[in-house]
Amino acid sequence: MSTAARPERDACPGALRVHDAADGGLARVRVPGGALTPRQFAVLGAASAGLGDGGLELTSRANVQVRGLAAGRQRELADRLSGAGLLPSATHERVRNILGSPYDDDRALLDTQAVARALDEALCATPALADLPGRFLFAVDDGRGDVVSMGADVGLLALDAATVALVLGGVDSGIRSTPEGAPALALAAAVAFLAEKDGREWRVNELRDGVRRITERVRAATGVTLVEAVPVPSTPPGTHAQVGEVFRRGGAVAIAAGAPLGRLSWEQVDIITAASEAADGLRLTPWRTVVVTGLPAGDAPSWLSALDARGLVVDARAPGAGVTSCTGRPGCAKALADVRGDARRASPPPGGLPVHWSGCGRRCGRPQGRVLEVLATEAGYEVGLDDENRTTATDLDEVGAALDAARRAV
């Protein structure tokens, strides 16, 4: 949709603005930085079990969706979320879109969780920023480039332990900050975006000459001196399929488990909650995985075995590693196929790029970056890398063959 044709306010759902889908109400709960306590994760699972369809959907922005909400249950959901600290601001709840690098290992140049928390608190305390579009995205990157290149409108990229670069629409602005000053810098960029937009742009890259215009406003407001811009790193290859033991720090281990096709059952929520209670942290990632940090090293194998037994993806060689899908039929009225069911039956082997199944041309939930896409059409499926070299497939055997051919062509 062109910016001229779209409405001024986007229709992104939230925890309070529930979308009326074919399978009931859809609520999207923002999780800044992907960080949750075990109790918060359990509350989300219990809310879906008691009020929704019993499962949790993980999104490509490391947020959570509850589907199948019955009419009249939205207030009860909001009360549960508020009681768990998951809804700190009714006015800003749809704009708390903050990605954070999830792997707090020895390569990290920045405490992304601390910066994301400070950014979230300052965002919610700034009344004007409640007017940000629901698709506007912040990212706090620890220097490895895993999240800043994932379509963020405003990114904070650690260059070293004392220096953070302001990235706008994927481009280094040349503005620098200390880690302590980075949240205020990100908010200044968001304020500048609101000042420059004409009412119908939702993203920085939709604003004509947006990076330059926002940079100039931030420079004028803060008095910073521009430095030479540097290339913004891309997400490291294979990040989408990092599961199992993902890093060690001291005597502790972090493990990651993938949600099959981006969806968690109540039983899977329960075992993840139990693992996180034995650890020191729980993080959602934009690759639809859950990271449990700070497990005693000797306990990691048994927890991975328990997660595997509940159907979670803990081996990067497993067929479901790096495979995602939208809701598809029957949950979405616009979908042309039961993409989740077909994706399970097709069970493509793992590869170096993520695979996403889309039920229609809207491509909901499509990961950022290079993606092998299986797109439902009236004639079957189109399979291809990004929007190039697409092959029409009329059955799942042909889909599998087309995926294999697309992988070999990379």
Protein backbone atom coordinates (compact mmCIF):
# COMPACT_ATOMS: atom_id res chain seq x y z
CA MET A 1 0.00 0.00 0.00
CA SER A 2 1.36 3.42 -0.92
CA THR A 3 1.64 6.00 1.84
CA ALA A 4 -0.88 8.19 0.01
CA ALA A 5 -3.52 5.43 0.01
CA ARG A 6 -3.12 4.23 3.59
CA PRO A 7 -4.91 5.63 6.65
CA GLU A 8 -3.06 8.08 8.86
CA ARG A 9 -3.11 5.70 11.85
CA ASP A 10 -1.93 2.13 11.40
CA ALA A 11 -4.04 -0.80 12.53
CA CYS A 12 -1.33 -2.75 14.36
CA PRO A 13 -2.93 -4.69 17.20
CA GLY A 14 -1.87 -4.34 20.80
CA ALA A 15 -2.82 -5.71 24.18
CA LEU A 16 -5.63 -3.17 24.43
CA ARG A 17 -6.43 -2.68 20.73
CA VAL A 18 -7.41 -6.26 19.89
CA HIS A 19 -7.70 -7.30 16.24
CA ASP A 20 -10.83 -9.19 15.23
CA ALA A 21 -9.43 -12.20 13.34
CA ALA A 22 -11.30 -15.15 11.85
CA ASP A 23 -10.42 -17.29 14.90
CA GLY A 24 -11.32 -14.64 17.49
CA GLY A 25 -9.54 -11.70 19.05
CA LEU A 26 -5.80 -11.28 18.50
CA ALA A 27 -3.80 -9.40 21.13
CA ARG A 28 -0.14 -8.48 20.66
CA VAL A 29 1.92 -8.00 23.81
CA ARG A 30 5.10 -5.96 23.42
CA VAL A 31 8.19 -7.34 25.17
CA PRO A 32 10.92 -4.66 25.01
CA GLY A 33 14.34 -6.24 24.57
CA GLY A 34 12.67 -9.65 24.58
CA ALA A 35 13.19 -9.90 28.35
CA LEU A 36 10.65 -11.71 30.52
CA THR A 37 10.66 -13.07 34.05
CA PRO A 38 9.53 -16.68 34.56
CA ARG A 39 6.35 -15.38 36.18
CA GLN A 40 5.57 -13.09 33.25
CA PHE A 41 6.05 -15.93 30.78
CA ALA A 42 3.79 -18.17 32.87
CA VAL A 43 1.15 -15.42 33.06
CA LEU A 44 1.16 -15.14 29.26
CA GLY A 45 0.73 -18.89 28.90
CA ALA A 46 -2.04 -19.02 31.48
CA ALA A 47 -3.81 -16.09 29.84
CA SER A 48 -3.86 -17.87 26.50
CA ALA A 49 -4.97 -21.13 28.11
CA GLY A 50 -7.78 -19.44 30.02
CA LEU A 51 -8.87 -16.71 27.63
CA GLY A 52 -7.53 -17.65 24.19
CA ASP A 53 -6.78 -20.69 22.07
CA GLY A 54 -4.21 -22.15 24.45
CA GLY A 55 -1.02 -21.26 22.58
CA LEU A 56 1.42 -18.36 22.31
CA GLU A 57 2.73 -16.99 19.04
CA LEU A 58 6.23 -15.52 18.92
CA THR A 59 6.66 -12.70 16.41
CA SER A 60 9.54 -11.53 14.23
CA ARG A 61 9.94 -8.59 16.63
CA ALA A 62 10.32 -10.79 19.71
CA ASN A 63 6.81 -9.99 20.90
CA VAL A 64 4.01 -12.37 21.90
CA GLN A 65 0.54 -12.84 20.45
CA VAL A 66 -2.50 -14.37 22.12
CA ARG A 67 -5.10 -15.61 19.61
CA GLY A 68 -8.66 -16.80 19.87
CA LEU A 69 -9.78 -14.34 22.53
CA ALA A 70 -13.50 -14.61 23.13
CA ALA A 71 -15.58 -11.45 22.93
CA GLY A 72 -15.66 -9.59 26.20
CA ARG A 73 -12.46 -11.11 27.60
CA GLN A 74 -10.12 -8.29 26.57
CA ARG A 75 -10.45 -6.47 29.88
CA GLU A 76 -9.53 -9.60 31.82
CA LEU A 77 -6.48 -10.09 29.61
CA ALA A 78 -5.39 -6.49 30.22
CA ASP A 79 -5.82 -6.96 33.97
CA ARG A 80 -3.66 -10.08 33.95
CA LEU A 81 -0.96 -8.37 31.91
CA SER A 82 -0.99 -5.30 34.15
CA GLY A 83 -0.67 -7.44 37.26
CA ALA A 84 2.44 -9.06 35.82
CA GLY A 85 4.09 -5.78 34.80
CA LEU A 86 3.54 -6.45 31.10
CA LEU A 87 1.37 -3.39 30.49
CA PRO A 88 3.13 -0.44 32.16
CA SER A 89 1.52 2.17 29.89
CA ALA A 90 -1.94 2.09 28.36
CA THR A 91 -1.13 5.06 26.13
CA HIS A 92 2.18 3.73 24.80
CA GLU A 93 1.61 -0.03 24.73
CA ARG A 94 1.62 -0.36 20.92
CA VAL A 95 4.83 1.66 20.44
CA ARG A 96 7.07 -0.30 22.84
CA ASN A 97 8.72 -2.07 19.90
CA ILE A 98 12.33 -2.57 21.03
CA LEU A 99 14.57 -5.36 19.77
CA GLY A 100 17.63 -6.25 21.83
CA SER A 101 20.61 -8.50 21.09
CA PRO A 102 19.71 -11.63 23.08
CA TYR A 103 23.11 -13.29 23.55
CA ASP A 104 24.88 -11.75 26.53
CA ASP A 105 28.21 -13.48 25.93
CA ASP A 106 31.82 -12.29 25.94
CA ARG A 107 31.42 -10.74 22.48
CA ALA A 108 28.83 -8.25 23.70
CA LEU A 109 30.09 -4.65 23.79
CA LEU A 110 26.93 -3.32 25.44
CA ASP A 111 24.48 -4.33 28.15
CA THR A 112 21.55 -4.32 25.75
CA GLN A 113 19.00 -5.25 28.40
CA ALA A 114 19.90 -2.25 30.57
CA VAL A 115 19.74 0.12 27.59
CA ALA A 116 16.45 -1.39 26.37
CA ARG A 117 14.88 -1.01 29.82
CA ALA A 118 15.99 2.62 30.06
CA LEU A 119 14.72 3.30 26.54
CA ASP A 120 11.36 1.71 27.31
CA GLU A 121 10.92 3.69 30.53
CA ALA A 122 11.83 6.97 28.83
CA LEU A 123 9.60 6.19 25.85
CA CYS A 124 6.58 5.59 28.08
CA ALA A 125 7.35 8.80 30.00
CA THR A 126 7.27 10.94 26.83
CA PRO A 127 3.61 11.75 26.02
CA ALA A 128 4.26 12.87 22.43
CA LEU A 129 5.75 9.49 21.50
CA ALA A 130 2.42 7.74 22.04
CA ASP A 131 1.72 9.01 18.50
CA LEU A 132 4.44 6.84 16.95
CA PRO A 133 3.08 4.30 14.45
CA GLY A 134 2.68 0.77 15.78
CA ARG A 135 5.19 -0.45 13.19
CA PHE A 136 7.96 1.93 14.24
CA LEU A 137 10.87 -0.17 15.53
CA PHE A 138 13.82 0.46 17.83
CA ALA A 139 16.82 -1.88 18.10
CA VAL A 140 19.61 -2.08 20.68
CA ASP A 141 22.57 -4.01 19.24
CA ASP A 142 25.54 -5.20 21.27
CA GLY A 143 27.92 -4.72 18.34
CA ARG A 144 27.62 -8.00 16.47
CA GLY A 145 24.96 -6.68 14.08
CA ASP A 146 22.31 -9.27 14.91
CA VAL A 147 19.34 -6.91 15.38
CA VAL A 148 20.27 -3.43 14.10
CA SER A 149 19.92 -4.61 10.51
CA MET A 150 16.49 -6.17 11.04
CA GLY A 151 14.48 -3.27 9.68
CA ALA A 152 14.84 -0.98 12.68
CA ASP A 153 13.83 2.64 12.22
CA VAL A 154 16.07 3.77 15.08
CA GLY A 155 19.03 1.61 16.04
CA LEU A 156 21.65 1.88 18.76
CA LEU A 157 24.78 0.00 17.67
CA ALA A 158 27.70 -0.49 20.04
CA LEU A 159 31.00 0.29 18.31
CA ASP A 160 33.06 -0.30 21.44
CA ALA A 161 32.41 -0.40 25.18
CA ALA A 162 32.16 3.41 25.35
CA THR A 163 30.63 4.36 22.00
CA VAL A 164 27.18 3.83 20.51
CA ALA A 165 26.22 4.81 16.95
CA LEU A 166 22.77 6.11 16.06
CA VAL A 167 21.50 4.12 13.07
CA LEU A 168 18.49 5.42 11.13
CA GLY A 169 16.65 3.19 8.68
CA GLY A 170 19.66 0.86 8.55
CA VAL A 171 22.17 3.66 7.86
CA ASP A 172 24.75 5.08 10.26
CA SER A 173 23.82 8.71 10.92
CA GLY A 174 27.31 9.72 12.06
CA ILE A 175 25.93 10.63 15.52
CA ARG A 176 27.62 9.06 18.53
CA SER A 177 26.77 8.67 22.21
CA THR A 178 27.87 6.97 25.38
CA PRO A 179 25.86 3.91 26.46
CA GLU A 180 24.29 6.02 29.21
CA GLY A 181 23.16 8.68 26.75
CA ALA A 182 21.95 6.27 24.07
CA PRO A 183 18.28 6.02 25.15
CA ALA A 184 17.85 9.80 25.07
CA LEU A 185 19.45 9.88 21.62
CA ALA A 186 17.03 7.24 20.32
CA LEU A 187 14.08 9.21 21.68
CA ALA A 188 15.38 12.39 20.04
CA ALA A 189 15.39 10.55 16.72
CA ALA A 190 11.81 9.34 17.28
CA VAL A 191 10.67 12.88 18.12
CA ALA A 192 12.40 14.11 14.96
CA PHE A 193 10.58 11.47 12.90
CA LEU A 194 7.22 12.66 14.20
CA ALA A 195 8.15 16.25 13.37
CA GLU A 196 9.15 15.35 9.80
CA LYS A 197 6.34 12.95 8.82
CA ASP A 198 3.32 14.35 6.99
CA GLY A 199 0.86 12.04 8.73
CA ARG A 200 0.97 8.90 6.57
CA GLU A 201 4.55 7.60 6.85
CA TRP A 202 4.93 4.77 9.34
CA ARG A 203 8.66 4.05 8.89
CA VAL A 204 11.85 6.12 8.53
CA ASN A 205 12.55 4.78 5.05
CA GLU A 206 9.10 5.88 3.88
CA LEU A 207 10.06 9.47 4.62
CA ARG A 208 11.66 11.17 1.62
CA ASP A 209 15.33 11.82 2.45
CA GLY A 210 14.39 10.71 5.94
CA VAL A 211 17.83 9.80 7.28
CA ARG A 212 19.29 13.20 6.44
CA ARG A 213 16.28 15.11 7.75
CA ILE A 214 16.13 13.25 11.04
CA THR A 215 19.90 13.47 11.48
CA GLU A 216 19.77 17.23 11.05
CA ARG A 217 16.97 17.60 13.58
CA VAL A 218 18.77 15.45 16.15
CA ARG A 219 22.04 17.31 15.59
CA ALA A 220 20.31 20.66 16.05
CA ALA A 221 18.47 19.50 19.17
CA THR A 222 21.46 17.90 20.89
CA GLY A 223 24.42 19.90 19.60
CA VAL A 224 26.38 16.77 18.71
CA THR A 225 29.14 16.82 16.11
CA LEU A 226 28.81 14.41 13.22
CA VAL A 227 31.63 11.94 12.56
CA GLU A 228 32.35 9.79 9.54
CA ALA A 229 29.70 7.11 9.14
CA VAL A 230 30.66 3.43 9.17
CA PRO A 231 29.02 0.47 7.42
CA VAL A 232 26.23 -1.14 9.44
CA PRO A 233 26.86 -4.88 9.88
CA SER A 234 24.38 -7.46 8.65
CA THR A 235 22.86 -10.18 10.78
CA PRO A 236 25.46 -12.99 10.97
CA PRO A 237 24.59 -16.02 8.81
CA GLY A 238 22.83 -18.84 10.63
CA THR A 239 21.54 -16.64 13.45
CA HIS A 240 17.97 -17.70 12.66
CA ALA A 241 18.75 -21.32 13.59
CA GLN A 242 20.81 -20.89 16.77
CA VAL A 243 19.34 -23.45 19.14
CA GLY A 244 20.73 -25.82 21.75
CA GLU A 245 23.65 -24.51 23.79
CA VAL A 246 24.30 -21.04 22.39
CA PHE A 247 27.01 -19.67 24.68
CA ARG A 248 28.88 -20.11 27.95
CA ARG A 249 29.92 -17.39 30.35
CA GLY A 250 31.92 -18.37 33.38
CA GLY A 251 30.36 -21.51 34.78
CA ALA A 252 26.94 -20.80 33.32
CA VAL A 253 25.33 -21.78 30.04
CA ALA A 254 22.63 -20.26 27.85
CA ILE A 255 20.37 -22.57 25.89
CA ALA A 256 17.90 -21.73 23.14
CA ALA A 257 14.81 -23.54 21.92
CA GLY A 258 12.84 -22.83 18.77
CA ALA A 259 9.06 -22.53 18.74
CA PRO A 260 7.78 -24.87 16.01
CA LEU A 261 6.52 -22.58 13.23
CA GLY A 262 6.64 -19.75 15.76
CA ARG A 263 3.97 -21.18 18.07
CA LEU A 264 4.20 -22.54 21.63
CA SER A 265 1.70 -24.88 23.25
CA TRP A 266 0.79 -24.61 26.93
CA GLU A 267 2.97 -27.66 27.67
CA GLN A 268 5.93 -25.99 25.98
CA VAL A 269 5.35 -22.75 27.88
CA ASP A 270 5.31 -24.80 31.09
CA ILE A 271 8.68 -26.50 30.49
CA ILE A 272 10.33 -23.25 29.36
CA THR A 273 9.05 -21.55 32.52
CA ALA A 274 10.49 -24.36 34.65
CA ALA A 275 13.87 -24.09 32.93
CA SER A 276 13.97 -20.31 33.39
CA GLU A 277 13.16 -20.68 37.09
CA ALA A 278 16.32 -22.76 37.39
CA ALA A 279 18.32 -20.06 35.56
CA ASP A 280 18.72 -16.28 35.76
CA GLY A 281 16.97 -15.01 32.65
CA LEU A 282 14.52 -15.59 29.82
CA ARG A 283 14.63 -13.80 26.46
CA LEU A 284 12.61 -13.96 23.31
CA THR A 285 14.39 -13.45 20.01
CA PRO A 286 13.20 -12.16 16.63
CA TRP A 287 14.01 -15.63 15.24
CA ARG A 288 11.11 -17.06 17.26
CA THR A 289 13.37 -18.80 19.72
CA VAL A 290 13.46 -18.59 23.50
CA VAL A 291 16.82 -18.20 25.27
CA VAL A 292 17.27 -19.35 28.87
CA THR A 293 20.40 -17.76 30.32
CA GLY A 294 22.52 -18.53 33.36
CA LEU A 295 21.88 -22.25 33.74
CA PRO A 296 24.50 -24.21 35.68
CA ALA A 297 26.61 -25.89 33.00
CA GLY A 298 25.94 -29.36 34.33
CA ASP A 299 22.18 -28.88 34.09
CA ALA A 300 22.01 -27.80 30.46
CA PRO A 301 21.88 -31.28 28.85
CA SER A 302 18.94 -32.42 30.97
CA TRP A 303 16.98 -29.24 30.26
CA LEU A 304 17.65 -29.51 26.53
CA SER A 305 16.39 -33.09 26.66
CA ALA A 306 13.24 -31.97 28.49
CA LEU A 307 12.61 -29.19 25.95
CA ASP A 308 13.11 -31.63 23.09
CA ALA A 309 10.64 -34.06 24.65
CA ARG A 310 7.97 -31.34 24.57
CA GLY A 311 8.49 -30.81 20.85
CA LEU A 312 10.69 -27.71 20.93
CA VAL A 313 13.48 -27.34 18.38
CA VAL A 314 16.84 -27.71 20.14
CA ASP A 315 18.97 -29.06 17.27
CA ALA A 316 19.93 -26.84 14.33
CA ARG A 317 19.86 -29.96 12.13
CA ALA A 318 16.20 -30.68 12.92
CA PRO A 319 13.70 -30.23 10.06
CA GLY A 320 11.87 -27.38 11.81
CA ALA A 321 14.94 -25.27 12.56
CA GLY A 322 14.57 -21.81 11.07
CA VAL A 323 11.13 -22.51 9.57
CA THR A 324 8.29 -20.06 10.32
CA SER A 325 4.83 -19.33 9.00
CA CYS A 326 1.94 -16.94 9.30
CA THR A 327 -1.32 -18.17 10.85
CA GLY A 328 -2.92 -19.19 7.56
CA ARG A 329 -6.29 -20.89 7.31
CA PRO A 330 -8.56 -21.21 9.21
CA GLY A 331 -7.36 -18.49 11.61
CA CYS A 332 -6.94 -15.77 8.99
CA ALA A 333 -9.73 -14.87 6.58
CA LYS A 334 -7.29 -13.53 3.98
CA ALA A 335 -5.16 -16.70 3.81
CA LEU A 336 -5.33 -18.89 0.72
CA ALA A 337 -4.00 -22.06 2.37
CA ASP A 338 -3.42 -23.87 5.65
CA VAL A 339 0.23 -22.91 5.58
CA ARG A 340 1.02 -24.24 9.05
CA GLY A 341 -0.38 -27.64 8.25
CA ASP A 342 1.40 -27.72 4.90
CA ALA A 343 4.69 -26.59 6.47
CA ARG A 344 4.49 -29.43 9.00
CA ARG A 345 3.79 -31.96 6.29
CA ALA A 346 6.49 -30.63 3.97
CA SER A 347 9.09 -30.68 6.77
CA PRO A 348 11.95 -29.19 4.71
CA PRO A 349 15.51 -30.02 5.79
CA PRO A 350 17.40 -27.23 7.57
CA GLY A 351 19.55 -24.86 5.57
CA GLY A 352 21.62 -21.72 5.74
CA LEU A 353 18.65 -19.39 5.24
CA PRO A 354 15.32 -19.13 7.05
CA VAL A 355 12.18 -20.49 5.38
CA HIS A 356 8.86 -18.64 5.76
CA TRP A 357 5.42 -19.80 4.65
CA SER A 358 3.00 -16.99 3.79
CA GLY A 359 -0.74 -17.51 3.34
CA CYS A 360 -1.22 -14.46 1.11
CA GLY A 361 0.58 -11.53 -0.45
CA ARG A 362 0.62 -9.56 2.81
CA ARG A 363 3.44 -11.89 3.98
CA CYS A 364 2.67 -11.43 7.68
CA GLY A 365 5.49 -12.46 10.01
CA ARG A 366 8.09 -12.66 7.25
CA PRO A 367 11.58 -12.45 8.79
CA GLN A 368 13.90 -9.61 7.86
CA GLY A 369 16.80 -10.22 5.52
CA ARG A 370 17.20 -12.97 2.92
CA VAL A 371 14.42 -15.53 3.18
CA LEU A 372 13.37 -18.61 1.26
CA GLU A 373 9.66 -17.95 0.91
CA VAL A 374 6.76 -20.28 0.23
CA LEU A 375 3.87 -18.02 -0.81
CA ALA A 376 0.31 -19.33 -1.17
CA THR A 377 -1.50 -18.33 -4.36
CA GLU A 378 -4.77 -19.30 -6.03
CA ALA A 379 -2.78 -21.82 -8.10
CA GLY A 380 -0.81 -23.42 -5.26
CA TYR A 381 2.48 -22.05 -3.97
CA GLU A 382 5.27 -19.87 -5.30
CA VAL A 383 8.72 -20.73 -3.95
CA GLY A 384 11.78 -18.55 -4.22
CA LEU A 385 14.57 -16.60 -2.59
CA ASP A 386 13.21 -13.19 -1.64
CA ASP A 387 11.28 -11.98 -4.70
CA GLU A 388 13.61 -13.57 -7.24
CA ASN A 389 13.51 -16.76 -9.34
CA ARG A 390 10.08 -17.84 -8.13
CA THR A 391 8.86 -21.34 -9.02
CA THR A 392 5.21 -22.40 -9.06
CA ALA A 393 4.46 -25.58 -7.09
CA THR A 394 1.09 -27.35 -7.13
CA ASP A 395 1.77 -29.90 -4.38
CA LEU A 396 4.05 -30.32 -1.37
CA ASP A 397 6.50 -32.57 -3.20
CA GLU A 398 7.04 -29.79 -5.71
CA VAL A 399 7.41 -27.28 -2.86
CA GLY A 400 10.18 -29.41 -1.35
CA ALA A 401 11.96 -29.74 -4.67
CA ALA A 402 11.71 -25.99 -5.29
CA LEU A 403 13.11 -25.23 -1.82
CA ASP A 404 16.06 -27.56 -2.44
CA ALA A 405 16.73 -25.91 -5.80
CA ALA A 406 16.52 -22.42 -4.31
CA ARG A 407 19.00 -23.37 -1.57
CA ARG A 408 21.47 -24.74 -4.08
CA ALA A 409 21.26 -21.50 -6.03
CA VAL A 410 22.36 -19.37 -3.05
